[in-house]
Amino acid sequence: HDAQFMVIARRDDQDDVLLELADGRLAELHMTWAASNDPKLPG
């Protein structure tokens, strides 16, 4: 939630995106296209 990131890649067939975090790590997320109160979403 509070991380600084940039989206660098996308997989259209699965709604997945790859983020580059400010600290150099990467995060792969599965977009839900909806707001959620679940802290595990988007995965």
PDB file of all heavy atoms in Angstrom:
ATOM      1  N   HIS A   1       0.816  -1.224   0.000  1.00  0.00           N
ATOM      2  CA  HIS A   1       0.000   0.000   0.000  1.00  0.00           C
ATOM      3  C   HIS A   1       0.844   1.266   0.000  1.00  0.00           C
ATOM      4  O   HIS A   1       0.577   2.203  -0.749  1.00  0.00           O
ATOM      5  CB  HIS A   1      -0.967   0.008   1.184  1.00  0.00           C
ATOM      6  CG  HIS A   1      -1.793   1.239   1.243  1.00  0.00           C
ATOM      7  ND1 HIS A   1      -1.444   2.337   1.997  1.00  0.00           N
ATOM      8  CD2 HIS A   1      -2.945   1.567   0.601  1.00  0.00           C
ATOM      9  CE1 HIS A   1      -2.346   3.286   1.841  1.00  0.00           C
ATOM     10  NE2 HIS A   1      -3.264   2.840   0.993  1.00  0.00           N
ATOM     11  N   ASP A   2       1.853   1.337   0.843  1.00  0.00           N
ATOM     12  CA  ASP A   2       2.672   2.547   0.950  1.00  0.00           C
ATOM     13  C   ASP A   2       3.958   2.486   0.125  1.00  0.00           C
ATOM     14  O   ASP A   2       4.769   3.403   0.177  1.00  0.00           O
ATOM     15  CB  ASP A   2       3.028   2.821   2.416  1.00  0.00           C
ATOM     16  CG  ASP A   2       1.806   3.193   3.224  1.00  0.00           C
ATOM     17  OD1 ASP A   2       0.914   3.875   2.681  1.00  0.00           O
ATOM     18  OD2 ASP A   2       1.727   2.793   4.405  1.00  0.00           O
ATOM     19  N   ALA A   3       4.138   1.424  -0.626  1.00  0.00           N
ATOM     20  CA  ALA A   3       5.376   1.246  -1.400  1.00  0.00           C
ATOM     21  C   ALA A   3       5.400   2.166  -2.620  1.00  0.00           C
ATOM     22  O   ALA A   3       4.365   2.447  -3.227  1.00  0.00           O
ATOM     23  CB  ALA A   3       5.507  -0.200  -1.852  1.00  0.00           C
ATOM     24  N   GLN A   4       6.591   2.607  -2.964  1.00  0.00           N
ATOM     25  CA  GLN A   4       6.786   3.323  -4.219  1.00  0.00           C
ATOM     26  C   GLN A   4       7.129   2.274  -5.268  1.00  0.00           C
ATOM     27  O   GLN A   4       7.997   1.425  -5.035  1.00  0.00           O
ATOM     28  CB  GLN A   4       7.920   4.330  -4.101  1.00  0.00           C
ATOM     29  CG  GLN A   4       7.598   5.476  -3.173  1.00  0.00           C
ATOM     30  CD  GLN A   4       8.743   6.460  -3.123  1.00  0.00           C
ATOM     31  OE1 GLN A   4       9.864   6.178  -3.531  1.00  0.00           O
ATOM     32  NE2 GLN A   4       8.463   7.630  -2.610  1.00  0.00           N
ATOM     33  N   PHE A   5       6.437   2.316  -6.402  1.00  0.00           N
ATOM     34  CA  PHE A   5       6.683   1.321  -7.436  1.00  0.00           C
ATOM     35  C   PHE A   5       6.356   1.868  -8.810  1.00  0.00           C
ATOM     36  O   PHE A   5       5.683   2.889  -8.944  1.00  0.00           O
ATOM     37  CB  PHE A   5       5.874   0.047  -7.176  1.00  0.00           C
ATOM     38  CG  PHE A   5       4.378   0.225  -7.210  1.00  0.00           C
ATOM     39  CD1 PHE A   5       3.684   0.257  -8.414  1.00  0.00           C
ATOM     40  CD2 PHE A   5       3.664   0.351  -6.028  1.00  0.00           C
ATOM     41  CE1 PHE A   5       2.306   0.419  -8.446  1.00  0.00           C
ATOM     42  CE2 PHE A   5       2.287   0.510  -6.049  1.00  0.00           C
ATOM     43  CZ  PHE A   5       1.604   0.540  -7.269  1.00  0.00           C
ATOM     44  N   MET A   6       6.841   1.115  -9.807  1.00  0.00           N
ATOM     45  CA  MET A   6       6.554   1.407 -11.199  1.00  0.00           C
ATOM     46  C   MET A   6       6.175   0.090 -11.864  1.00  0.00           C
ATOM     47  O   MET A   6       6.832  -0.928 -11.646  1.00  0.00           O
ATOM     48  CB  MET A   6       7.800   2.004 -11.875  1.00  0.00           C
ATOM     49  CG  MET A   6       7.603   2.340 -13.329  1.00  0.00           C
ATOM     50  SD  MET A   6       9.019   3.238 -14.055  1.00  0.00           S
ATOM     51  CE  MET A   6      10.393   2.222 -13.582  1.00  0.00           C
ATOM     52  N   VAL A   7       5.110   0.098 -12.651  1.00  0.00           N
ATOM     53  CA  VAL A   7       4.720  -1.100 -13.391  1.00  0.00           C
ATOM     54  C   VAL A   7       5.637  -1.203 -14.604  1.00  0.00           C
ATOM     55  O   VAL A   7       5.737  -0.260 -15.389  1.00  0.00           O
ATOM     56  CB  VAL A   7       3.241  -1.029 -13.831  1.00  0.00           C
ATOM     57  CG1 VAL A   7       2.865  -2.269 -14.632  1.00  0.00           C
ATOM     58  CG2 VAL A   7       2.328  -0.877 -12.619  1.00  0.00           C
ATOM     59  N   ILE A   8       6.322  -2.346 -14.741  1.00  0.00           N
ATOM     60  CA  ILE A   8       7.293  -2.490 -15.831  1.00  0.00           C
ATOM     61  C   ILE A   8       6.910  -3.542 -16.865  1.00  0.00           C
ATOM     62  O   ILE A   8       7.456  -3.550 -17.967  1.00  0.00           O
ATOM     63  CB  ILE A   8       8.709  -2.783 -15.301  1.00  0.00           C
ATOM     64  CG1 ILE A   8       8.751  -4.084 -14.497  1.00  0.00           C
ATOM     65  CG2 ILE A   8       9.216  -1.601 -14.472  1.00  0.00           C
ATOM     66  CD1 ILE A   8      10.165  -4.547 -14.157  1.00  0.00           C
ATOM     67  N   ALA A   9       5.990  -4.445 -16.509  1.00  0.00           N
ATOM     68  CA  ALA A   9       5.587  -5.495 -17.458  1.00  0.00           C
ATOM     69  C   ALA A   9       4.172  -5.948 -17.135  1.00  0.00           C
ATOM     70  O   ALA A   9       3.674  -5.757 -16.022  1.00  0.00           O
ATOM     71  CB  ALA A   9       6.549  -6.674 -17.413  1.00  0.00           C
ATOM     72  N   ARG A  10       3.559  -6.565 -18.139  1.00  0.00           N
ATOM     73  CA  ARG A  10       2.176  -7.019 -17.993  1.00  0.00           C
ATOM     74  C   ARG A  10       1.987  -8.329 -18.735  1.00  0.00           C
ATOM     75  O   ARG A  10       2.578  -8.541 -19.799  1.00  0.00           O
ATOM     76  CB  ARG A  10       1.245  -5.962 -18.569  1.00  0.00           C
ATOM     77  CG  ARG A  10      -0.208  -6.315 -18.470  1.00  0.00           C
ATOM     78  CD  ARG A  10      -1.067  -5.194 -18.984  1.00  0.00           C
ATOM     79  NE  ARG A  10      -2.468  -5.498 -18.712  1.00  0.00           N
ATOM     80  CZ  ARG A  10      -3.466  -4.704 -18.996  1.00  0.00           C
ATOM     81  NH1 ARG A  10      -3.236  -3.538 -19.568  1.00  0.00           N
ATOM     82  NH2 ARG A  10      -4.697  -5.061 -18.724  1.00  0.00           N
ATOM     83  N   ARG A  11       1.140  -9.172 -18.173  1.00  0.00           N
ATOM     84  CA  ARG A  11       0.727 -10.397 -18.846  1.00  0.00           C
ATOM     85  C   ARG A  11      -0.778 -10.277 -19.059  1.00  0.00           C
ATOM     86  O   ARG A  11      -1.572 -10.461 -18.126  1.00  0.00           O
ATOM     87  CB  ARG A  11       1.067 -11.630 -18.023  1.00  0.00           C
ATOM     88  CG  ARG A  11       0.701 -12.886 -18.768  1.00  0.00           C
ATOM     89  CD  ARG A  11       1.268 -14.117 -18.139  1.00  0.00           C
ATOM     90  NE  ARG A  11       0.871 -15.254 -18.952  1.00  0.00           N
ATOM     91  CZ  ARG A  11       1.461 -16.414 -18.943  1.00  0.00           C
ATOM     92  NH1 ARG A  11       2.501 -16.606 -18.152  1.00  0.00           N
ATOM     93  NH2 ARG A  11       1.037 -17.382 -19.709  1.00  0.00           N
ATOM     94  N   ASP A  12      -1.175  -9.930 -20.258  1.00  0.00           N
ATOM     95  CA  ASP A  12      -2.571  -9.624 -20.554  1.00  0.00           C
ATOM     96  C   ASP A  12      -3.506 -10.800 -20.365  1.00  0.00           C
ATOM     97  O   ASP A  12      -4.646 -10.633 -19.953  1.00  0.00           O
ATOM     98  CB  ASP A  12      -2.711  -9.085 -21.983  1.00  0.00           C
ATOM     99  CG  ASP A  12      -2.021  -7.749 -22.161  1.00  0.00           C
ATOM    100  OD1 ASP A  12      -2.241  -6.855 -21.320  1.00  0.00           O
ATOM    101  OD2 ASP A  12      -1.254  -7.602 -23.129  1.00  0.00           O
ATOM    102  N   ASP A  13      -3.048 -12.013 -20.665  1.00  0.00           N
ATOM    103  CA  ASP A  13      -3.950 -13.161 -20.603  1.00  0.00           C
ATOM    104  C   ASP A  13      -4.288 -13.589 -19.181  1.00  0.00           C
ATOM    105  O   ASP A  13      -5.191 -14.393 -18.976  1.00  0.00           O
ATOM    106  CB  ASP A  13      -3.372 -14.341 -21.388  1.00  0.00           C
ATOM    107  CG  ASP A  13      -2.065 -14.862 -20.819  1.00  0.00           C
ATOM    108  OD1 ASP A  13      -1.376 -14.124 -20.089  1.00  0.00           O
ATOM    109  OD2 ASP A  13      -1.712 -16.017 -21.118  1.00  0.00           O
ATOM    110  N   GLN A  14      -3.573 -13.061 -18.186  1.00  0.00           N
ATOM    111  CA  GLN A  14      -3.844 -13.436 -16.797  1.00  0.00           C
ATOM    112  C   GLN A  14      -4.019 -12.227 -15.884  1.00  0.00           C
ATOM    113  O   GLN A  14      -4.079 -12.366 -14.675  1.00  0.00           O
ATOM    114  CB  GLN A  14      -2.731 -14.336 -16.268  1.00  0.00           C
ATOM    115  CG  GLN A  14      -2.642 -15.644 -16.999  1.00  0.00           C
ATOM    116  CD  GLN A  14      -1.586 -16.563 -16.414  1.00  0.00           C
ATOM    117  OE1 GLN A  14      -0.967 -16.282 -15.394  1.00  0.00           O
ATOM    118  NE2 GLN A  14      -1.369 -17.689 -17.062  1.00  0.00           N
ATOM    119  N   ASP A  15      -4.062 -11.032 -16.440  1.00  0.00           N
ATOM    120  CA  ASP A  15      -4.188  -9.802 -15.652  1.00  0.00           C
ATOM    121  C   ASP A  15      -3.100  -9.664 -14.593  1.00  0.00           C
ATOM    122  O   ASP A  15      -3.344  -9.147 -13.505  1.00  0.00           O
ATOM    123  CB  ASP A  15      -5.567  -9.702 -14.994  1.00  0.00           C
ATOM    124  CG  ASP A  15      -6.647  -9.292 -15.970  1.00  0.00           C
ATOM    125  OD1 ASP A  15      -6.321  -8.597 -16.951  1.00  0.00           O
ATOM    126  OD2 ASP A  15      -7.815  -9.650 -15.758  1.00  0.00           O
ATOM    127  N   ASP A  16      -1.903 -10.148 -14.895  1.00  0.00           N
ATOM    128  CA  ASP A  16      -0.777 -10.020 -13.983  1.00  0.00           C
ATOM    129  C   ASP A  16       0.100  -8.852 -14.411  1.00  0.00           C
ATOM    130  O   ASP A  16       0.232  -8.568 -15.609  1.00  0.00           O
ATOM    131  CB  ASP A  16       0.067 -11.298 -13.973  1.00  0.00           C
ATOM    132  CG  ASP A  16      -0.670 -12.479 -13.367  1.00  0.00           C
ATOM    133  OD1 ASP A  16      -1.673 -12.267 -12.663  1.00  0.00           O
ATOM    134  OD2 ASP A  16      -0.239 -13.613 -13.599  1.00  0.00           O
ATOM    135  N   VAL A  17       0.687  -8.198 -13.419  1.00  0.00           N
ATOM    136  CA  VAL A  17       1.627  -7.120 -13.693  1.00  0.00           C
ATOM    137  C   VAL A  17       2.882  -7.340 -12.863  1.00  0.00           C
ATOM    138  O   VAL A  17       2.851  -7.991 -11.814  1.00  0.00           O
ATOM    139  CB  VAL A  17       1.029  -5.721 -13.391  1.00  0.00           C
ATOM    140  CG1 VAL A  17      -0.073  -5.377 -14.370  1.00  0.00           C
ATOM    141  CG2 VAL A  17       0.551  -5.618 -11.969  1.00  0.00           C
ATOM    142  N   LEU A  18       3.991  -6.788 -13.353  1.00  0.00           N
ATOM    143  CA  LEU A  18       5.259  -6.864 -12.644  1.00  0.00           C
ATOM    144  C   LEU A  18       5.655  -5.451 -12.256  1.00  0.00           C
ATOM    145  O   LEU A  18       5.696  -4.554 -13.102  1.00  0.00           O
ATOM    146  CB  LEU A  18       6.334  -7.497 -13.540  1.00  0.00           C
ATOM    147  CG  LEU A  18       7.672  -7.777 -12.867  1.00  0.00           C
ATOM    148  CD1 LEU A  18       7.523  -8.832 -11.758  1.00  0.00           C
ATOM    149  CD2 LEU A  18       8.695  -8.239 -13.898  1.00  0.00           C
ATOM    150  N   LEU A  19       5.928  -5.278 -10.965  1.00  0.00           N
ATOM    151  CA  LEU A  19       6.308  -3.970 -10.443  1.00  0.00           C
ATOM    152  C   LEU A  19       7.778  -3.966 -10.075  1.00  0.00           C
ATOM    153  O   LEU A  19       8.307  -4.964  -9.590  1.00  0.00           O
ATOM    154  CB  LEU A  19       5.530  -3.647  -9.162  1.00  0.00           C
ATOM    155  CG  LEU A  19       4.039  -3.901  -9.117  1.00  0.00           C
ATOM    156  CD1 LEU A  19       3.495  -3.517  -7.753  1.00  0.00           C
ATOM    157  CD2 LEU A  19       3.344  -3.145 -10.215  1.00  0.00           C
ATOM    158  N   GLU A  20       8.407  -2.832 -10.288  1.00  0.00           N
ATOM    159  CA  GLU A  20       9.742  -2.604  -9.744  1.00  0.00           C
ATOM    160  C   GLU A  20       9.561  -1.683  -8.552  1.00  0.00           C
ATOM    161  O   GLU A  20       9.043  -0.569  -8.695  1.00  0.00           O
ATOM    162  CB  GLU A  20      10.666  -1.979 -10.772  1.00  0.00           C
ATOM    163  CG  GLU A  20      12.054  -1.774 -10.241  1.00  0.00           C
ATOM    164  CD  GLU A  20      13.026  -1.257 -11.284  1.00  0.00           C
ATOM    165  OE1 GLU A  20      12.595  -0.878 -12.391  1.00  0.00           O
ATOM    166  OE2 GLU A  20      14.220  -1.212 -10.980  1.00  0.00           O
ATOM    167  N   LEU A  21       9.951  -2.166  -7.370  1.00  0.00           N
ATOM    168  CA  LEU A  21       9.836  -1.375  -6.150  1.00  0.00           C
ATOM    169  C   LEU A  21      11.028  -0.442  -6.012  1.00  0.00           C
ATOM    170  O   LEU A  21      12.095  -0.688  -6.593  1.00  0.00           O
ATOM    171  CB  LEU A  21       9.736  -2.293  -4.939  1.00  0.00           C
ATOM    172  CG  LEU A  21       8.619  -3.345  -4.990  1.00  0.00           C
ATOM    173  CD1 LEU A  21       8.691  -4.261  -3.777  1.00  0.00           C
ATOM    174  CD2 LEU A  21       7.262  -2.695  -5.111  1.00  0.00           C
ATOM    175  N   ALA A  22      10.872   0.611  -5.234  1.00  0.00           N
ATOM    176  CA  ALA A  22      11.930   1.607  -5.063  1.00  0.00           C
ATOM    177  C   ALA A  22      13.216   0.994  -4.516  1.00  0.00           C
ATOM    178  O   ALA A  22      14.311   1.488  -4.805  1.00  0.00           O
ATOM    179  CB  ALA A  22      11.448   2.728  -4.148  1.00  0.00           C
ATOM    180  N   ASP A  23      13.102  -0.100  -3.751  1.00  0.00           N
ATOM    181  CA  ASP A  23      14.303  -0.725  -3.179  1.00  0.00           C
ATOM    182  C   ASP A  23      14.960  -1.732  -4.121  1.00  0.00           C
ATOM    183  O   ASP A  23      15.900  -2.423  -3.751  1.00  0.00           O
ATOM    184  CB  ASP A  23      13.987  -1.379  -1.838  1.00  0.00           C
ATOM    185  CG  ASP A  23      13.002  -2.537  -1.926  1.00  0.00           C
ATOM    186  OD1 ASP A  23      12.644  -2.961  -3.060  1.00  0.00           O
ATOM    187  OD2 ASP A  23      12.581  -3.034  -0.864  1.00  0.00           O
ATOM    188  N   GLY A  24      14.432  -1.851  -5.360  1.00  0.00           N
ATOM    189  CA  GLY A  24      15.031  -2.738  -6.351  1.00  0.00           C
ATOM    190  C   GLY A  24      14.393  -4.107  -6.449  1.00  0.00           C
ATOM    191  O   GLY A  24      14.640  -4.840  -7.396  1.00  0.00           O
ATOM    192  N   ARG A  25      13.571  -4.480  -5.466  1.00  0.00           N
ATOM    193  CA  ARG A  25      12.875  -5.760  -5.549  1.00  0.00           C
ATOM    194  C   ARG A  25      11.782  -5.677  -6.605  1.00  0.00           C
ATOM    195  O   ARG A  25      11.416  -4.599  -7.056  1.00  0.00           O
ATOM    196  CB  ARG A  25      12.248  -6.133  -4.199  1.00  0.00           C
ATOM    197  CG  ARG A  25      13.251  -6.435  -3.124  1.00  0.00           C
ATOM    198  CD  ARG A  25      12.562  -6.777  -1.817  1.00  0.00           C
ATOM    199  NE  ARG A  25      11.737  -5.635  -1.407  1.00  0.00           N
ATOM    200  CZ  ARG A  25      10.682  -5.731  -0.592  1.00  0.00           C
ATOM    201  NH1 ARG A  25      10.323  -6.895  -0.103  1.00  0.00           N
ATOM    202  NH2 ARG A  25       9.986  -4.658  -0.269  1.00  0.00           N
ATOM    203  N   LEU A  26      11.258  -6.841  -6.976  1.00  0.00           N
ATOM    204  CA  LEU A  26      10.136  -6.907  -7.908  1.00  0.00           C
ATOM    205  C   LEU A  26       8.948  -7.536  -7.199  1.00  0.00           C
ATOM    206  O   LEU A  26       9.108  -8.315  -6.262  1.00  0.00           O
ATOM    207  CB  LEU A  26      10.488  -7.760  -9.127  1.00  0.00           C
ATOM    208  CG  LEU A  26      11.639  -7.273 -10.004  1.00  0.00           C
ATOM    209  CD1 LEU A  26      11.827  -8.233 -11.169  1.00  0.00           C
ATOM    210  CD2 LEU A  26      11.400  -5.871 -10.508  1.00  0.00           C
ATOM    211  N   ALA A  27       7.760  -7.192  -7.672  1.00  0.00           N
ATOM    212  CA  ALA A  27       6.540  -7.797  -7.159  1.00  0.00           C
ATOM    213  C   ALA A  27       5.651  -8.137  -8.341  1.00  0.00           C
ATOM    214  O   ALA A  27       5.459  -7.326  -9.234  1.00  0.00           O
ATOM    215  CB  ALA A  27       5.819  -6.850  -6.212  1.00  0.00           C
ATOM    216  N   GLU A  28       5.145  -9.356  -8.347  1.00  0.00           N
ATOM    217  CA  GLU A  28       4.179  -9.772  -9.351  1.00  0.00           C
ATOM    218  C   GLU A  28       2.807  -9.768  -8.683  1.00  0.00           C
ATOM    219  O   GLU A  28       2.632 -10.372  -7.627  1.00  0.00           O
ATOM    220  CB  GLU A  28       4.499 -11.172  -9.873  1.00  0.00           C
ATOM    221  CG  GLU A  28       3.545 -11.631 -10.954  1.00  0.00           C
ATOM    222  CD  GLU A  28       3.890 -13.003 -11.511  1.00  0.00           C
ATOM    223  OE1 GLU A  28       5.068 -13.418 -11.429  1.00  0.00           O
ATOM    224  OE2 GLU A  28       2.970 -13.670 -12.025  1.00  0.00           O
ATOM    225  N   LEU A  29       1.866  -9.055  -9.277  1.00  0.00           N
ATOM    226  CA  LEU A  29       0.524  -8.953  -8.727  1.00  0.00           C
ATOM    227  C   LEU A  29      -0.509  -9.393  -9.737  1.00  0.00           C
ATOM    228  O   LEU A  29      -0.344  -9.165 -10.936  1.00  0.00           O
ATOM    229  CB  LEU A  29       0.206  -7.507  -8.320  1.00  0.00           C
ATOM    230  CG  LEU A  29       0.802  -7.037  -7.003  1.00  0.00           C
ATOM    231  CD1 LEU A  29       2.224  -6.593  -7.188  1.00  0.00           C
ATOM    232  CD2 LEU A  29      -0.030  -5.921  -6.429  1.00  0.00           C
ATOM    233  N   HIS A  30      -1.564  -9.987  -9.209  1.00  0.00           N
ATOM    234  CA  HIS A  30      -2.703 -10.347 -10.049  1.00  0.00           C
ATOM    235  C   HIS A  30      -3.785  -9.302  -9.821  1.00  0.00           C
ATOM    236  O   HIS A  30      -4.336  -9.190  -8.724  1.00  0.00           O
ATOM    237  CB  HIS A  30      -3.232 -11.737  -9.709  1.00  0.00           C
ATOM    238  CG  HIS A  30      -4.399 -12.118 -10.554  1.00  0.00           C
ATOM    239  ND1 HIS A  30      -4.262 -12.481 -11.876  1.00  0.00           N
ATOM    240  CD2 HIS A  30      -5.727 -12.151 -10.288  1.00  0.00           C
ATOM    241  CE1 HIS A  30      -5.454 -12.738 -12.385  1.00  0.00           C
ATOM    242  NE2 HIS A  30      -6.363 -12.532 -11.440  1.00  0.00           N
ATOM    243  N   MET A  31      -4.074  -8.520 -10.848  1.00  0.00           N
ATOM    244  CA  MET A  31      -5.048  -7.449 -10.729  1.00  0.00           C
ATOM    245  C   MET A  31      -6.457  -8.020 -10.615  1.00  0.00           C
ATOM    246  O   MET A  31      -6.793  -9.012 -11.252  1.00  0.00           O
ATOM    247  CB  MET A  31      -4.933  -6.509 -11.919  1.00  0.00           C
ATOM    248  CG  MET A  31      -3.559  -5.850 -11.996  1.00  0.00           C
ATOM    249  SD  MET A  31      -3.395  -4.683 -13.330  1.00  0.00           S
ATOM    250  CE  MET A  31      -4.415  -3.346 -12.701  1.00  0.00           C
ATOM    251  N   THR A  32      -7.278  -7.365  -9.782  1.00  0.00           N
ATOM    252  CA  THR A  32      -8.658  -7.796  -9.583  1.00  0.00           C
ATOM    253  C   THR A  32      -9.646  -6.895 -10.316  1.00  0.00           C
ATOM    254  O   THR A  32     -10.790  -7.275 -10.505  1.00  0.00           O
ATOM    255  CB  THR A  32      -9.017  -7.786  -8.084  1.00  0.00           C
ATOM    256  OG1 THR A  32      -8.909  -6.441  -7.597  1.00  0.00           O
ATOM    257  CG2 THR A  32      -8.094  -8.710  -7.300  1.00  0.00           C
ATOM    258  N   TRP A  33      -9.233  -5.688 -10.644  1.00  0.00           N
ATOM    259  CA  TRP A  33     -10.071  -4.677 -11.300  1.00  0.00           C
ATOM    260  C   TRP A  33     -11.229  -4.244 -10.415  1.00  0.00           C
ATOM    261  O   TRP A  33     -12.255  -3.781 -10.900  1.00  0.00           O
ATOM    262  CB  TRP A  33     -10.534  -5.151 -12.679  1.00  0.00           C
ATOM    263  CG  TRP A  33      -9.362  -5.399 -13.574  1.00  0.00           C
ATOM    264  CD1 TRP A  33      -8.809  -6.614 -13.865  1.00  0.00           C
ATOM    265  CD2 TRP A  33      -8.551  -4.435 -14.233  1.00  0.00           C
ATOM    266  NE1 TRP A  33      -7.710  -6.459 -14.669  1.00  0.00           N
ATOM    267  CE2 TRP A  33      -7.527  -5.122 -14.916  1.00  0.00           C
ATOM    268  CE3 TRP A  33      -8.582  -3.044 -14.318  1.00  0.00           C
ATOM    269  CZ2 TRP A  33      -6.549  -4.472 -15.670  1.00  0.00           C
ATOM    270  CZ3 TRP A  33      -7.613  -2.398 -15.066  1.00  0.00           C
ATOM    271  CH2 TRP A  33      -6.607  -3.112 -15.729  1.00  0.00           C
ATOM    272  N   ALA A  34     -11.063  -4.393  -9.093  1.00  0.00           N
ATOM    273  CA  ALA A  34     -12.071  -3.939  -8.142  1.00  0.00           C
ATOM    274  C   ALA A  34     -11.380  -3.602  -6.821  1.00  0.00           C
ATOM    275  O   ALA A  34     -10.384  -4.229  -6.460  1.00  0.00           O
ATOM    276  CB  ALA A  34     -13.109  -5.027  -7.913  1.00  0.00           C
ATOM    277  N   ALA A  35     -11.910  -2.629  -6.112  1.00  0.00           N
ATOM    278  CA  ALA A  35     -11.375  -2.294  -4.795  1.00  0.00           C
ATOM    279  C   ALA A  35     -11.711  -3.424  -3.820  1.00  0.00           C
ATOM    280  O   ALA A  35     -12.722  -4.098  -3.974  1.00  0.00           O
ATOM    281  CB  ALA A  35     -11.970  -0.984  -4.311  1.00  0.00           C
ATOM    282  N   SER A  36     -10.858  -3.611  -2.836  1.00  0.00           N
ATOM    283  CA  SER A  36     -11.075  -4.676  -1.866  1.00  0.00           C
ATOM    284  C   SER A  36     -10.588  -4.229  -0.497  1.00  0.00           C
ATOM    285  O   SER A  36      -9.621  -3.478  -0.381  1.00  0.00           O
ATOM    286  CB  SER A  36     -10.316  -5.930  -2.283  1.00  0.00           C
ATOM    287  OG  SER A  36     -10.411  -6.917  -1.283  1.00  0.00           O
ATOM    288  N   ASN A  37     -11.246  -4.712   0.541  1.00  0.00           N
ATOM    289  CA  ASN A  37     -10.784  -4.487   1.905  1.00  0.00           C
ATOM    290  C   ASN A  37      -9.894  -5.627   2.378  1.00  0.00           C
ATOM    291  O   ASN A  37      -9.385  -5.590   3.477  1.00  0.00           O
ATOM    292  CB  ASN A  37     -11.979  -4.329   2.854  1.00  0.00           C
ATOM    293  CG  ASN A  37     -12.697  -3.021   2.621  1.00  0.00           C
ATOM    294  OD1 ASN A  37     -12.080  -2.012   2.308  1.00  0.00           O
ATOM    295  ND2 ASN A  37     -14.012  -3.036   2.758  1.00  0.00           N
ATOM    296  N   ASP A  38      -9.737  -6.645   1.532  1.00  0.00           N
ATOM    297  CA  ASP A  38      -8.918  -7.800   1.862  1.00  0.00           C
ATOM    298  C   ASP A  38      -7.450  -7.428   1.676  1.00  0.00           C
ATOM    299  O   ASP A  38      -7.026  -7.098   0.565  1.00  0.00           O
ATOM    300  CB  ASP A  38      -9.283  -8.974   0.952  1.00  0.00           C
ATOM    301  CG  ASP A  38      -8.574 -10.267   1.312  1.00  0.00           C
ATOM    302  OD1 ASP A  38      -7.502 -10.217   1.964  1.00  0.00           O
ATOM    303  OD2 ASP A  38      -9.087 -11.330   0.931  1.00  0.00           O
ATOM    304  N   PRO A  39      -6.635  -7.478   2.734  1.00  0.00           N
ATOM    305  CA  PRO A  39      -5.226  -7.096   2.609  1.00  0.00           C
ATOM    306  C   PRO A  39      -4.415  -8.037   1.722  1.00  0.00           C
ATOM    307  O   PRO A  39      -3.289  -7.714   1.352  1.00  0.00           O
ATOM    308  CB  PRO A  39      -4.710  -7.126   4.043  1.00  0.00           C
ATOM    309  CG  PRO A  39      -5.639  -8.014   4.773  1.00  0.00           C
ATOM    310  CD  PRO A  39      -6.980  -7.875   4.089  1.00  0.00           C
ATOM    311  N   LYS A  40      -4.987  -9.193   1.350  1.00  0.00           N
ATOM    312  CA  LYS A  40      -4.277 -10.139   0.486  1.00  0.00           C
ATOM    313  C   LYS A  40      -4.559  -9.890  -0.992  1.00  0.00           C
ATOM    314  O   LYS A  40      -3.980 -10.564  -1.850  1.00  0.00           O
ATOM    315  CB  LYS A  40      -4.666 -11.569   0.851  1.00  0.00           C
ATOM    316  CG  LYS A  40      -4.238 -11.958   2.250  1.00  0.00           C
ATOM    317  CD  LYS A  40      -4.673 -13.358   2.582  1.00  0.00           C
ATOM    318  CE  LYS A  40      -4.298 -13.689   4.023  1.00  0.00           C
ATOM    319  NZ  LYS A  40      -4.823 -14.975   4.418  1.00  0.00           N
ATOM    320  N   LEU A  41      -5.446  -8.946  -1.292  1.00  0.00           N
ATOM    321  CA  LEU A  41      -5.783  -8.640  -2.686  1.00  0.00           C
ATOM    322  C   LEU A  41      -5.334  -7.230  -3.045  1.00  0.00           C
ATOM    323  O   LEU A  41      -5.510  -6.320  -2.240  1.00  0.00           O
ATOM    324  CB  LEU A  41      -7.289  -8.775  -2.920  1.00  0.00           C
ATOM    325  CG  LEU A  41      -7.856 -10.179  -2.748  1.00  0.00           C
ATOM    326  CD1 LEU A  41      -9.363 -10.154  -2.913  1.00  0.00           C
ATOM    327  CD2 LEU A  41      -7.222 -11.160  -3.716  1.00  0.00           C
ATOM    328  N   PRO A  42      -4.784  -7.021  -4.190  1.00  0.00           N
ATOM    329  CA  PRO A  42      -4.431  -8.035  -5.175  1.00  0.00           C
ATOM    330  C   PRO A  42      -3.261  -8.888  -4.680  1.00  0.00           C
ATOM    331  O   PRO A  42      -2.361  -8.402  -4.005  1.00  0.00           O
ATOM    332  CB  PRO A  42      -4.054  -7.239  -6.423  1.00  0.00           C
ATOM    333  CG  PRO A  42      -3.671  -5.885  -5.914  1.00  0.00           C
ATOM    334  CD  PRO A  42      -4.446  -5.669  -4.640  1.00  0.00           C
ATOM    335  N   GLY A  43      -3.327 -10.165  -5.032  1.00  0.00           N
ATOM    336  CA  GLY A  43      -2.292 -11.108  -4.620  1.00  0.00           C
ATOM    337  C   GLY A  43      -0.918 -10.661  -5.086  1.00  0.00           C
ATOM    338  O   GLY A  43      -0.761 -10.212  -6.215  1.00  0.00           O
TER     339      GLY A  43
END
